[in-house]
Structures are given as C-alpha cells and as structure tokens.
Amino acid sequence: MGFLRDESGQVLVFPGLFGTKDRARTEDRTAAGAGRPAGSIAPQAALRAKAPHCCFYCRWCEAPILLSHNSMGMMFGQPAVRQIDARSIATVCTACGHVGDYSLFRACHGFDTRHKIQEAETKGKTVLVDWLHCTEATCAARVPFFMTIEQPLEEMDGRKLEGSWLWEEVQCASGHPIVPVTLKIWEAN
C-alpha cells in the first residue's frame, strides 16, 4: 500500500503500484474470511451505515430533529454542490408536533448555533413534502417543508397526522409569517 501527500497535506492511500498483485491477495483473503472476527460487519456495510444529517433542535421541546442532508439536495453545503437553493427549511418535530423553520445560515430566521451537520445512521426516508410561501406578496423566498417518514406513504394517514401539528411562529428566511397549509403530498391519500 502506498501513501502519497498532496500540497494541502492530505494523505492519499493507493493499493499497490497498479493494484493487480494486491487485489488478488485481497480477493483470496475475502473469500476465506480471514482477518475478520465472526459476526463483524463488512467494511463496506459499516461505511454505508452512517450518512451526513442536518441536526436541528426543536425550539419548544429541545429534541433533536435529524434530516438526511443528501435527501435535502445538499442545500446547506457549498454552493457548487447544492441541488436545492433555499436559505431555511420547515419541518415538524416528532416529539412535540410543532412545525418550525430552521437554518444553518447565520443571517436567516431559524438559525441557532446548536444546529449542525453530523454523521448519523439513516432511519426512515427524508422527503420534500411541499414548498411553503409566506404572507408577504413581494417576498420571493419559498421554504421547503421536509419530513422524515419511517413507513410507506400508503400506510400513513396524513390528514390525521397533519391536523395534530402546531403551526406556531413558522416564518420564511426573511422573517415573514407562513400560514398553516394543507400539504400536497397528503392530498393523494
């Protein structure tokens, strides 16, 4: 195995000169199962178990809200990798049922210094439910409403679930209020 450093100081690891001799030995070891204790997880499965998540803290009950950053279009990443361009998001806290707006950008409504991107196990599926609009007619800011669902949409009774949510103080990135709406994804059920 060869190590190489680039000009920034990052260490790059290469498997052998061309990888042919080392690949044959690795395949033999993998086929035999040597070097791994019984019941251990394969390295590829261990790497797939965790993914970057946006961790927001509910304003009302302080419970952490984890949303998969990849499923959100990398909207809080660097500008070159963003697939969705929005300054804040709306989501519901599963612990208390409050809908809130959250952001990782300092100048936006919903920012808190505790909010961060962290590695976590993926549970459920993060989906874009709808785009919310504020009451200000001249504001162009739309707020994407994301939610993590843990069961198929066909099994969920969305109207009953949506009726129990508390829409207090939900605002766009500019600070204009958003009124409660009937979300589009639930209309199909």
N, C-alpha and C. Protein backbone atom coordinates (compact mmCIF):
# COMPACT_ATOMS: atom_id res chain seq x y z
N MET A 1 0.85 -1.16 0.00
CA MET A 1 0.00 0.00 0.00
C MET A 1 0.89 1.23 0.00
N GLY A 2 0.60 2.19 -0.86
CA GLY A 2 1.43 3.38 -0.96
C GLY A 2 0.73 4.59 -0.38
N PHE A 3 1.50 5.45 0.26
CA PHE A 3 0.98 6.70 0.81
C PHE A 3 1.56 7.86 0.00
N LEU A 4 0.76 8.84 -0.26
CA LEU A 4 1.18 10.00 -1.01
C LEU A 4 0.50 11.22 -0.42
N ARG A 5 1.24 12.31 -0.25
CA ARG A 5 0.66 13.54 0.29
C ARG A 5 0.57 14.57 -0.84
N ASP A 6 -0.58 15.29 -0.89
CA ASP A 6 -0.67 16.37 -1.86
C ASP A 6 -0.25 17.67 -1.19
N GLU A 7 -0.31 18.79 -1.93
CA GLU A 7 0.20 20.06 -1.41
C GLU A 7 -0.59 20.60 -0.22
N SER A 8 -1.83 20.15 -0.02
CA SER A 8 -2.60 20.63 1.12
C SER A 8 -2.33 19.84 2.38
N GLY A 9 -1.57 18.75 2.28
CA GLY A 9 -1.25 17.94 3.45
C GLY A 9 -2.15 16.72 3.59
N GLN A 10 -3.11 16.54 2.68
CA GLN A 10 -4.00 15.38 2.73
C GLN A 10 -3.21 14.13 2.37
N VAL A 11 -3.51 13.02 3.03
CA VAL A 11 -2.85 11.76 2.77
C VAL A 11 -3.72 10.95 1.82
N LEU A 12 -3.16 10.52 0.71
CA LEU A 12 -3.85 9.69 -0.25
C LEU A 12 -3.29 8.28 -0.14
N VAL A 13 -4.14 7.27 -0.08
CA VAL A 13 -3.71 5.89 0.07
C VAL A 13 -4.02 5.15 -1.22
N PHE A 14 -3.00 4.52 -1.81
CA PHE A 14 -3.16 3.76 -3.04
C PHE A 14 -2.88 2.29 -2.78
N PRO A 15 -3.68 1.38 -3.31
CA PRO A 15 -3.44 -0.06 -3.12
C PRO A 15 -2.40 -0.56 -4.11
N GLY A 16 -1.14 -0.54 -3.74
CA GLY A 16 -0.08 -1.06 -4.59
C GLY A 16 0.20 -0.16 -5.78
N LEU A 17 1.15 -0.57 -6.60
CA LEU A 17 1.53 0.23 -7.74
C LEU A 17 0.41 0.29 -8.79
N PHE A 18 -0.06 -0.86 -9.23
CA PHE A 18 -1.16 -0.90 -10.18
C PHE A 18 -2.36 -1.64 -9.63
N GLY A 19 -2.24 -2.20 -8.43
CA GLY A 19 -3.37 -2.86 -7.78
C GLY A 19 -3.58 -4.30 -8.18
N THR A 20 -2.80 -4.86 -9.11
CA THR A 20 -3.07 -6.22 -9.58
C THR A 20 -2.64 -7.27 -8.57
N LYS A 21 -1.43 -7.16 -8.03
CA LYS A 21 -0.95 -8.17 -7.09
C LYS A 21 -1.73 -8.10 -5.78
N ASP A 22 -1.93 -6.87 -5.27
CA ASP A 22 -2.65 -6.71 -4.00
C ASP A 22 -4.11 -7.12 -4.14
N ARG A 23 -4.73 -6.87 -5.28
CA ARG A 23 -6.13 -7.22 -5.48
C ARG A 23 -6.31 -8.74 -5.43
N ALA A 24 -5.40 -9.48 -6.01
CA ALA A 24 -5.51 -10.95 -5.99
C ALA A 24 -5.40 -11.47 -4.55
N ARG A 25 -4.47 -10.92 -3.77
CA ARG A 25 -4.34 -11.35 -2.38
C ARG A 25 -5.57 -10.95 -1.56
N THR A 26 -6.10 -9.78 -1.79
CA THR A 26 -7.29 -9.31 -1.07
C THR A 26 -8.49 -10.19 -1.38
N GLU A 27 -8.67 -10.56 -2.65
CA GLU A 27 -9.78 -11.43 -3.02
C GLU A 27 -9.67 -12.79 -2.36
N ASP A 28 -8.43 -13.32 -2.25
CA ASP A 28 -8.24 -14.62 -1.58
C ASP A 28 -8.60 -14.52 -0.11
N ARG A 29 -8.16 -13.42 0.55
CA ARG A 29 -8.46 -13.25 1.97
C ARG A 29 -9.95 -13.04 2.20
N THR A 30 -10.60 -12.29 1.34
CA THR A 30 -12.03 -12.04 1.48
C THR A 30 -12.83 -13.31 1.28
N ALA A 31 -12.44 -14.11 0.31
CA ALA A 31 -13.14 -15.37 0.06
C ALA A 31 -13.00 -16.32 1.24
N ALA A 32 -11.85 -16.31 1.87
CA ALA A 32 -11.63 -17.21 3.00
C ALA A 32 -12.19 -16.63 4.29
N GLY A 33 -12.45 -15.32 4.32
CA GLY A 33 -12.98 -14.68 5.54
C GLY A 33 -11.91 -14.47 6.58
N ALA A 34 -10.65 -14.52 6.19
CA ALA A 34 -9.55 -14.37 7.14
C ALA A 34 -9.42 -12.92 7.58
N GLY A 35 -8.98 -12.74 8.81
CA GLY A 35 -8.70 -11.41 9.31
C GLY A 35 -9.91 -10.68 9.87
N ARG A 36 -11.10 -11.28 9.85
CA ARG A 36 -12.29 -10.63 10.37
C ARG A 36 -12.91 -11.52 11.44
N PRO A 37 -13.19 -10.99 12.61
CA PRO A 37 -13.82 -11.81 13.65
C PRO A 37 -15.24 -12.22 13.24
N ALA A 38 -15.68 -13.32 13.80
CA ALA A 38 -17.03 -13.82 13.49
C ALA A 38 -18.08 -12.81 13.95
N GLY A 39 -19.07 -12.57 13.12
CA GLY A 39 -20.15 -11.66 13.48
C GLY A 39 -19.86 -10.20 13.20
N SER A 40 -18.68 -9.90 12.63
CA SER A 40 -18.36 -8.49 12.36
C SER A 40 -18.99 -8.06 11.04
N ILE A 41 -19.12 -6.77 10.88
CA ILE A 41 -19.73 -6.19 9.69
C ILE A 41 -18.64 -5.97 8.65
N ALA A 42 -18.96 -6.23 7.40
CA ALA A 42 -18.02 -5.97 6.32
C ALA A 42 -17.73 -4.47 6.26
N PRO A 43 -16.49 -4.08 5.90
CA PRO A 43 -16.15 -2.65 5.88
C PRO A 43 -17.08 -1.81 5.01
N GLN A 44 -17.53 -2.33 3.87
CA GLN A 44 -18.40 -1.55 3.00
C GLN A 44 -19.73 -1.30 3.69
N ALA A 45 -20.27 -2.28 4.41
CA ALA A 45 -21.54 -2.10 5.11
C ALA A 45 -21.40 -1.10 6.26
N ALA A 46 -20.25 -1.12 6.93
CA ALA A 46 -20.03 -0.19 8.03
C ALA A 46 -19.96 1.24 7.52
N LEU A 47 -19.37 1.43 6.32
CA LEU A 47 -19.29 2.78 5.76
C LEU A 47 -20.66 3.28 5.33
N ARG A 48 -21.52 2.41 4.85
CA ARG A 48 -22.84 2.83 4.38
C ARG A 48 -23.81 3.09 5.52
N ALA A 49 -23.50 2.66 6.72
CA ALA A 49 -24.44 2.76 7.84
C ALA A 49 -24.65 4.21 8.28
N LYS A 50 -23.67 5.08 8.11
CA LYS A 50 -23.79 6.47 8.56
C LYS A 50 -23.71 7.40 7.36
N ALA A 51 -24.47 8.48 7.45
CA ALA A 51 -24.50 9.49 6.38
C ALA A 51 -24.64 10.87 7.02
N PRO A 52 -24.28 11.93 6.30
CA PRO A 52 -24.43 13.27 6.87
C PRO A 52 -25.90 13.64 7.05
N HIS A 53 -26.22 14.15 8.22
CA HIS A 53 -27.58 14.58 8.55
C HIS A 53 -27.53 16.00 9.10
N CYS A 54 -28.56 16.76 8.81
CA CYS A 54 -28.72 18.07 9.44
C CYS A 54 -29.38 17.82 10.78
N CYS A 55 -28.75 18.30 11.83
CA CYS A 55 -29.29 18.13 13.19
C CYS A 55 -29.79 19.49 13.67
N PHE A 56 -31.11 19.59 13.78
CA PHE A 56 -31.74 20.81 14.29
C PHE A 56 -32.33 20.49 15.66
N TYR A 57 -32.42 21.49 16.52
CA TYR A 57 -33.02 21.31 17.84
C TYR A 57 -34.33 22.08 17.90
N CYS A 58 -35.40 21.38 18.29
CA CYS A 58 -36.73 21.96 18.37
C CYS A 58 -36.72 23.14 19.35
N ARG A 59 -37.36 24.23 18.96
CA ARG A 59 -37.44 25.42 19.83
C ARG A 59 -38.29 25.18 21.06
N TRP A 60 -39.25 24.27 20.97
CA TRP A 60 -40.22 24.09 22.04
C TRP A 60 -39.82 23.00 23.02
N CYS A 61 -39.33 21.86 22.54
CA CYS A 61 -39.03 20.76 23.46
C CYS A 61 -37.55 20.37 23.48
N GLU A 62 -36.72 21.04 22.68
CA GLU A 62 -35.27 20.81 22.62
C GLU A 62 -34.88 19.43 22.07
N ALA A 63 -35.80 18.70 21.49
CA ALA A 63 -35.50 17.39 20.92
C ALA A 63 -34.73 17.56 19.61
N PRO A 64 -33.74 16.68 19.36
CA PRO A 64 -33.02 16.78 18.09
C PRO A 64 -33.88 16.28 16.92
N ILE A 65 -33.80 16.97 15.80
CA ILE A 65 -34.51 16.60 14.58
C ILE A 65 -33.43 16.30 13.54
N LEU A 66 -33.34 15.05 13.09
CA LEU A 66 -32.34 14.64 12.12
C LEU A 66 -32.97 14.47 10.74
N LEU A 67 -32.42 15.15 9.75
CA LEU A 67 -32.87 15.04 8.36
C LEU A 67 -31.66 14.73 7.49
N SER A 68 -31.78 13.77 6.61
CA SER A 68 -30.68 13.37 5.74
C SER A 68 -30.30 14.53 4.82
N HIS A 69 -29.05 14.95 4.91
CA HIS A 69 -28.58 16.09 4.12
C HIS A 69 -28.60 15.78 2.63
N ASN A 70 -28.30 14.55 2.24
CA ASN A 70 -28.31 14.16 0.83
C ASN A 70 -29.73 14.22 0.27
N SER A 71 -30.72 13.80 1.05
CA SER A 71 -32.10 13.82 0.59
C SER A 71 -32.65 15.24 0.51
N MET A 72 -32.01 16.17 1.17
CA MET A 72 -32.44 17.57 1.15
C MET A 72 -31.77 18.35 0.02
N GLY A 73 -31.10 17.66 -0.88
CA GLY A 73 -30.45 18.34 -2.00
C GLY A 73 -29.20 19.09 -1.61
N MET A 74 -28.55 18.67 -0.53
CA MET A 74 -27.31 19.28 -0.05
C MET A 74 -27.45 20.80 0.08
N MET A 75 -28.62 21.28 0.50
CA MET A 75 -28.90 22.71 0.49
C MET A 75 -28.09 23.52 1.49
N PHE A 76 -27.45 22.89 2.45
CA PHE A 76 -26.60 23.62 3.38
C PHE A 76 -25.13 23.35 3.11
N GLY A 77 -24.82 22.77 1.95
CA GLY A 77 -23.45 22.51 1.55
C GLY A 77 -22.86 23.70 0.81
N GLN A 78 -21.71 23.49 0.21
CA GLN A 78 -21.07 24.53 -0.57
C GLN A 78 -21.92 24.85 -1.80
N PRO A 79 -21.86 26.07 -2.30
CA PRO A 79 -22.72 26.46 -3.43
C PRO A 79 -22.59 25.56 -4.65
N ALA A 80 -21.43 25.01 -4.91
CA ALA A 80 -21.23 24.17 -6.10
C ALA A 80 -21.97 22.84 -6.02
N VAL A 81 -22.28 22.34 -4.81
CA VAL A 81 -22.92 21.03 -4.67
C VAL A 81 -24.40 21.11 -4.35
N ARG A 82 -24.93 22.30 -4.12
CA ARG A 82 -26.35 22.45 -3.76
C ARG A 82 -27.25 22.09 -4.93
N GLN A 83 -28.25 21.27 -4.66
CA GLN A 83 -29.26 20.94 -5.66
C GLN A 83 -30.53 21.73 -5.40
N ILE A 84 -30.75 22.15 -4.17
CA ILE A 84 -31.88 22.99 -3.78
C ILE A 84 -31.30 24.26 -3.18
N ASP A 85 -31.75 25.40 -3.69
CA ASP A 85 -31.23 26.68 -3.21
C ASP A 85 -32.29 27.37 -2.36
N ALA A 86 -32.22 27.17 -1.08
CA ALA A 86 -33.12 27.82 -0.12
C ALA A 86 -32.31 28.15 1.11
N ARG A 87 -32.68 29.18 1.83
CA ARG A 87 -31.91 29.63 2.99
C ARG A 87 -32.36 28.97 4.29
N SER A 88 -33.60 28.50 4.35
CA SER A 88 -34.09 27.83 5.55
C SER A 88 -35.09 26.75 5.13
N ILE A 89 -35.40 25.86 6.06
CA ILE A 89 -36.36 24.78 5.80
C ILE A 89 -37.41 24.78 6.89
N ALA A 90 -38.50 24.10 6.63
CA ALA A 90 -39.53 23.88 7.65
C ALA A 90 -39.63 22.37 7.85
N THR A 91 -39.86 21.97 9.07
CA THR A 91 -40.06 20.55 9.38
C THR A 91 -40.86 20.45 10.66
N VAL A 92 -41.32 19.24 10.94
CA VAL A 92 -42.11 19.01 12.13
C VAL A 92 -41.29 18.19 13.13
N CYS A 93 -41.39 18.55 14.39
CA CYS A 93 -40.73 17.79 15.46
C CYS A 93 -41.63 16.60 15.81
N THR A 94 -41.11 15.40 15.71
CA THR A 94 -41.94 14.23 16.01
C THR A 94 -42.19 14.07 17.50
N ALA A 95 -41.40 14.72 18.34
CA ALA A 95 -41.58 14.60 19.79
C ALA A 95 -42.75 15.44 20.30
N CYS A 96 -42.90 16.68 19.80
CA CYS A 96 -43.95 17.55 20.33
C CYS A 96 -44.98 17.98 19.29
N GLY A 97 -44.71 17.76 18.00
CA GLY A 97 -45.67 18.09 16.95
C GLY A 97 -45.65 19.53 16.48
N HIS A 98 -44.66 20.31 16.90
CA HIS A 98 -44.55 21.70 16.45
C HIS A 98 -43.85 21.76 15.10
N VAL A 99 -44.40 22.55 14.19
CA VAL A 99 -43.75 22.83 12.91
C VAL A 99 -42.91 24.07 13.11
N GLY A 100 -41.65 23.99 12.68
CA GLY A 100 -40.77 25.13 12.84
C GLY A 100 -39.90 25.33 11.62
N ASP A 101 -39.26 26.48 11.55
CA ASP A 101 -38.33 26.76 10.47
C ASP A 101 -36.92 26.76 11.05
N TYR A 102 -35.99 26.19 10.29
CA TYR A 102 -34.63 26.01 10.77
C TYR A 102 -33.65 26.36 9.66
N SER A 103 -32.48 26.82 10.05
CA SER A 103 -31.47 27.19 9.07
C SER A 103 -30.08 26.98 9.65
N LEU A 104 -29.13 26.73 8.76
CA LEU A 104 -27.73 26.66 9.15
C LEU A 104 -26.97 27.92 8.70
N PHE A 105 -27.68 28.86 8.09
CA PHE A 105 -27.07 30.11 7.65
C PHE A 105 -27.31 31.18 8.71
N ARG A 106 -26.27 31.86 9.12
CA ARG A 106 -26.32 32.82 10.23
C ARG A 106 -27.32 33.95 10.06
N ALA A 107 -27.49 34.49 8.90
CA ALA A 107 -28.34 35.67 8.72
C ALA A 107 -29.82 35.34 8.55
N CYS A 108 -30.19 34.09 8.62
CA CYS A 108 -31.57 33.68 8.34
C CYS A 108 -32.36 33.40 9.62
N HIS A 109 -33.68 33.58 9.50
CA HIS A 109 -34.56 33.22 10.61
C HIS A 109 -34.50 31.71 10.80
N GLY A 110 -34.47 31.27 12.03
CA GLY A 110 -34.40 29.85 12.33
C GLY A 110 -32.99 29.36 12.62
N PHE A 111 -32.00 30.26 12.55
CA PHE A 111 -30.62 29.86 12.84
C PHE A 111 -30.41 29.73 14.34
N ASP A 112 -29.68 28.72 14.73
CA ASP A 112 -29.28 28.52 16.12
C ASP A 112 -27.86 27.96 16.08
N THR A 113 -27.03 28.37 17.01
CA THR A 113 -25.64 27.92 17.00
C THR A 113 -25.52 26.43 17.28
N ARG A 114 -26.55 25.80 17.82
CA ARG A 114 -26.51 24.36 18.09
C ARG A 114 -26.77 23.53 16.84
N HIS A 115 -27.44 24.10 15.83
CA HIS A 115 -27.73 23.37 14.60
C HIS A 115 -26.41 23.04 13.90
N LYS A 116 -26.33 21.83 13.34
CA LYS A 116 -25.07 21.40 12.71
C LYS A 116 -25.34 20.27 11.73
N ILE A 117 -24.30 19.91 11.00
CA ILE A 117 -24.33 18.71 10.15
C ILE A 117 -23.48 17.68 10.86
N GLN A 118 -24.05 16.49 11.06
CA GLN A 118 -23.33 15.43 11.76
C GLN A 118 -23.58 14.09 11.09
N GLU A 119 -22.70 13.16 11.34
CA GLU A 119 -22.85 11.80 10.84
C GLU A 119 -23.82 11.04 11.75
N ALA A 120 -24.78 10.37 11.15
CA ALA A 120 -25.75 9.59 11.92
C ALA A 120 -26.28 8.46 11.05
N GLU A 121 -26.84 7.45 11.69
CA GLU A 121 -27.46 6.36 10.96
C GLU A 121 -28.75 6.83 10.31
N THR A 122 -28.99 6.39 9.10
CA THR A 122 -30.19 6.78 8.38
C THR A 122 -31.37 5.95 8.85
N LYS A 123 -32.39 6.62 9.34
CA LYS A 123 -33.62 5.97 9.78
C LYS A 123 -34.77 6.59 9.01
N GLY A 124 -35.51 5.80 8.30
CA GLY A 124 -36.62 6.33 7.52
C GLY A 124 -36.11 6.99 6.25
N LYS A 125 -37.00 7.76 5.63
CA LYS A 125 -36.68 8.44 4.38
C LYS A 125 -37.07 9.90 4.49
N THR A 126 -36.14 10.80 4.21
CA THR A 126 -36.41 12.23 4.24
C THR A 126 -36.97 12.64 2.88
N VAL A 127 -38.16 13.24 2.88
CA VAL A 127 -38.82 13.62 1.63
C VAL A 127 -39.17 15.10 1.66
N LEU A 128 -39.20 15.69 0.46
CA LEU A 128 -39.67 17.06 0.29
C LEU A 128 -41.17 16.99 0.14
N VAL A 129 -41.88 17.47 1.15
CA VAL A 129 -43.34 17.36 1.15
C VAL A 129 -43.97 18.46 0.31
N ASP A 130 -43.55 19.71 0.49
CA ASP A 130 -44.17 20.83 -0.22
C ASP A 130 -43.27 22.05 -0.10
N TRP A 131 -43.56 23.07 -0.91
CA TRP A 131 -42.91 24.37 -0.82
C TRP A 131 -43.91 25.34 -0.19
N LEU A 132 -43.52 25.98 0.90
CA LEU A 132 -44.39 26.91 1.62
C LEU A 132 -44.08 28.34 1.19
N HIS A 133 -45.12 29.16 1.13
CA HIS A 133 -44.98 30.57 0.79
C HIS A 133 -45.41 31.41 1.99
N CYS A 134 -44.77 32.55 2.16
CA CYS A 134 -45.12 33.43 3.27
C CYS A 134 -46.27 34.35 2.87
N THR A 135 -46.75 35.13 3.84
CA THR A 135 -47.90 36.02 3.60
C THR A 135 -47.51 37.30 2.87
N GLU A 136 -46.23 37.63 2.81
CA GLU A 136 -45.77 38.84 2.13
C GLU A 136 -45.79 38.61 0.62
N ALA A 137 -46.57 39.43 -0.10
CA ALA A 137 -46.75 39.23 -1.55
C ALA A 137 -45.48 39.51 -2.35
N THR A 138 -44.61 40.38 -1.86
CA THR A 138 -43.40 40.74 -2.61
C THR A 138 -42.21 39.84 -2.30
N CYS A 139 -42.34 38.94 -1.35
CA CYS A 139 -41.23 38.06 -0.95
C CYS A 139 -41.13 36.87 -1.90
N ALA A 140 -39.95 36.63 -2.42
CA ALA A 140 -39.74 35.52 -3.35
C ALA A 140 -39.20 34.27 -2.64
N ALA A 141 -38.96 34.37 -1.34
CA ALA A 141 -38.40 33.23 -0.61
C ALA A 141 -39.45 32.16 -0.40
N ARG A 142 -39.16 30.96 -0.88
CA ARG A 142 -40.02 29.81 -0.62
C ARG A 142 -39.30 28.92 0.39
N VAL A 143 -40.05 28.28 1.23
CA VAL A 143 -39.48 27.44 2.26
C VAL A 143 -39.84 25.98 1.97
N PRO A 144 -38.84 25.13 1.75
CA PRO A 144 -39.15 23.72 1.53
C PRO A 144 -39.53 23.05 2.85
N PHE A 145 -40.58 22.25 2.82
CA PHE A 145 -41.02 21.51 4.01
C PHE A 145 -40.54 20.08 3.86
N PHE A 146 -39.58 19.68 4.70
CA PHE A 146 -39.04 18.32 4.69
C PHE A 146 -39.56 17.56 5.88
N MET A 147 -39.65 16.26 5.71
CA MET A 147 -40.11 15.40 6.79
C MET A 147 -39.50 14.02 6.63
N THR A 148 -39.16 13.37 7.72
CA THR A 148 -38.66 12.01 7.68
C THR A 148 -39.82 11.07 7.97
N ILE A 149 -40.07 10.17 7.03
CA ILE A 149 -41.14 9.19 7.22
C ILE A 149 -40.49 7.83 7.43
N GLU A 150 -41.04 7.05 8.34
CA GLU A 150 -40.46 5.76 8.67
C GLU A 150 -41.28 4.60 8.15
N GLN A 151 -42.43 4.88 7.56
CA GLN A 151 -43.25 3.83 6.95
C GLN A 151 -43.73 4.32 5.60
N PRO A 152 -44.16 3.42 4.72
CA PRO A 152 -44.61 3.86 3.39
C PRO A 152 -45.77 4.85 3.48
N LEU A 153 -45.84 5.75 2.51
CA LEU A 153 -46.89 6.77 2.50
C LEU A 153 -48.28 6.17 2.44
N GLU A 154 -48.41 5.02 1.79
CA GLU A 154 -49.73 4.39 1.67
C GLU A 154 -50.29 4.00 3.04
N GLU A 155 -49.42 3.66 3.99
CA GLU A 155 -49.86 3.22 5.31
C GLU A 155 -50.13 4.38 6.26
N MET A 156 -49.68 5.58 5.92
CA MET A 156 -49.84 6.73 6.82
C MET A 156 -51.16 7.44 6.54
N ASP A 157 -51.80 7.89 7.59
CA ASP A 157 -52.99 8.72 7.45
C ASP A 157 -52.54 10.16 7.62
N GLY A 158 -52.16 10.79 6.51
CA GLY A 158 -51.56 12.11 6.52
C GLY A 158 -52.47 13.19 7.05
N ARG A 159 -53.74 13.16 6.73
CA ARG A 159 -54.65 14.22 7.19
C ARG A 159 -54.78 14.22 8.71
N LYS A 160 -54.84 13.03 9.31
CA LYS A 160 -54.93 12.94 10.76
C LYS A 160 -53.64 13.45 11.41
N LEU A 161 -52.51 13.06 10.82
CA LEU A 161 -51.21 13.47 11.33
C LEU A 161 -51.03 14.97 11.20
N GLU A 162 -51.39 15.52 10.05
CA GLU A 162 -51.23 16.94 9.80
C GLU A 162 -52.11 17.78 10.72
N GLY A 163 -53.28 17.30 11.06
CA GLY A 163 -54.20 18.03 11.94
C GLY A 163 -53.68 18.17 13.36
N SER A 164 -52.75 17.31 13.77
CA SER A 164 -52.23 17.39 15.14
C SER A 164 -50.99 18.29 15.25
N TRP A 165 -50.50 18.83 14.15
CA TRP A 165 -49.32 19.68 14.19
C TRP A 165 -49.67 21.08 14.65
N LEU A 166 -48.73 21.72 15.33
CA LEU A 166 -48.89 23.09 15.82
C LEU A 166 -48.04 24.03 14.97
N TRP A 167 -48.68 24.93 14.23
CA TRP A 167 -48.00 25.82 13.30
C TRP A 167 -47.74 27.18 13.96
N GLU A 168 -46.97 27.23 15.01
CA GLU A 168 -46.68 28.49 15.69
C GLU A 168 -45.33 29.04 15.21
N GLU A 169 -45.30 30.29 14.89
CA GLU A 169 -44.07 31.02 14.57
C GLU A 169 -43.29 30.46 13.39
N VAL A 170 -43.94 29.85 12.41
CA VAL A 170 -43.24 29.40 11.22
C VAL A 170 -43.07 30.59 10.30
N GLN A 171 -41.82 30.86 9.88
CA GLN A 171 -41.52 32.03 9.07
C GLN A 171 -40.59 31.66 7.92
N CYS A 172 -40.57 32.51 6.91
CA CYS A 172 -39.65 32.31 5.79
C CYS A 172 -38.26 32.80 6.23
N ALA A 173 -37.28 32.68 5.35
CA ALA A 173 -35.91 33.08 5.68
C ALA A 173 -35.80 34.57 5.98
N SER A 174 -36.72 35.38 5.43
CA SER A 174 -36.71 36.82 5.67
C SER A 174 -37.45 37.21 6.94
N GLY A 175 -38.17 36.28 7.56
CA GLY A 175 -38.89 36.56 8.80
C GLY A 175 -40.36 36.83 8.64
N HIS A 176 -40.93 36.63 7.45
CA HIS A 176 -42.37 36.82 7.23
C HIS A 176 -43.12 35.57 7.68
N PRO A 177 -44.30 35.72 8.27
CA PRO A 177 -45.04 34.56 8.76
C PRO A 177 -45.60 33.68 7.62
N ILE A 178 -45.65 32.38 7.90
CA ILE A 178 -46.23 31.40 6.98
C ILE A 178 -47.48 30.85 7.65
N VAL A 179 -48.58 30.87 6.93
CA VAL A 179 -49.83 30.36 7.49
C VAL A 179 -49.89 28.85 7.29
N PRO A 180 -50.58 28.13 8.18
CA PRO A 180 -50.72 26.67 8.01
C PRO A 180 -51.41 26.35 6.68
N VAL A 181 -50.92 25.31 6.03
CA VAL A 181 -51.47 24.91 4.74
C VAL A 181 -51.75 23.41 4.74
N THR A 182 -52.55 22.98 3.78
CA THR A 182 -52.73 21.56 3.55
C THR A 182 -51.61 21.13 2.61
N LEU A 183 -50.81 20.21 3.06
CA LEU A 183 -49.64 19.81 2.30
C LEU A 183 -50.04 18.94 1.11
N LYS A 184 -49.38 19.15 -0.02
CA LYS A 184 -49.74 18.49 -1.27
C LYS A 184 -49.54 16.98 -1.26
N ILE A 185 -48.53 16.50 -0.59
CA ILE A 185 -48.25 15.07 -0.63
C ILE A 185 -49.37 14.27 0.01
N TRP A 186 -50.09 14.87 0.97
CA TRP A 186 -51.15 14.14 1.68
C TRP A 186 -52.46 14.11 0.89
N GLU A 187 -52.61 14.96 -0.11
CA GLU A 187 -53.84 15.00 -0.88
C GLU A 187 -54.07 13.73 -1.70
N ALA A 188 -52.98 13.01 -2.01
CA ALA A 188 -53.11 11.79 -2.80
C ALA A 188 -53.70 10.66 -1.97
N ASN A 189 -53.59 10.74 -0.65
CA ASN A 189 -54.09 9.66 0.22
C ASN A 189 -55.57 9.78 0.49
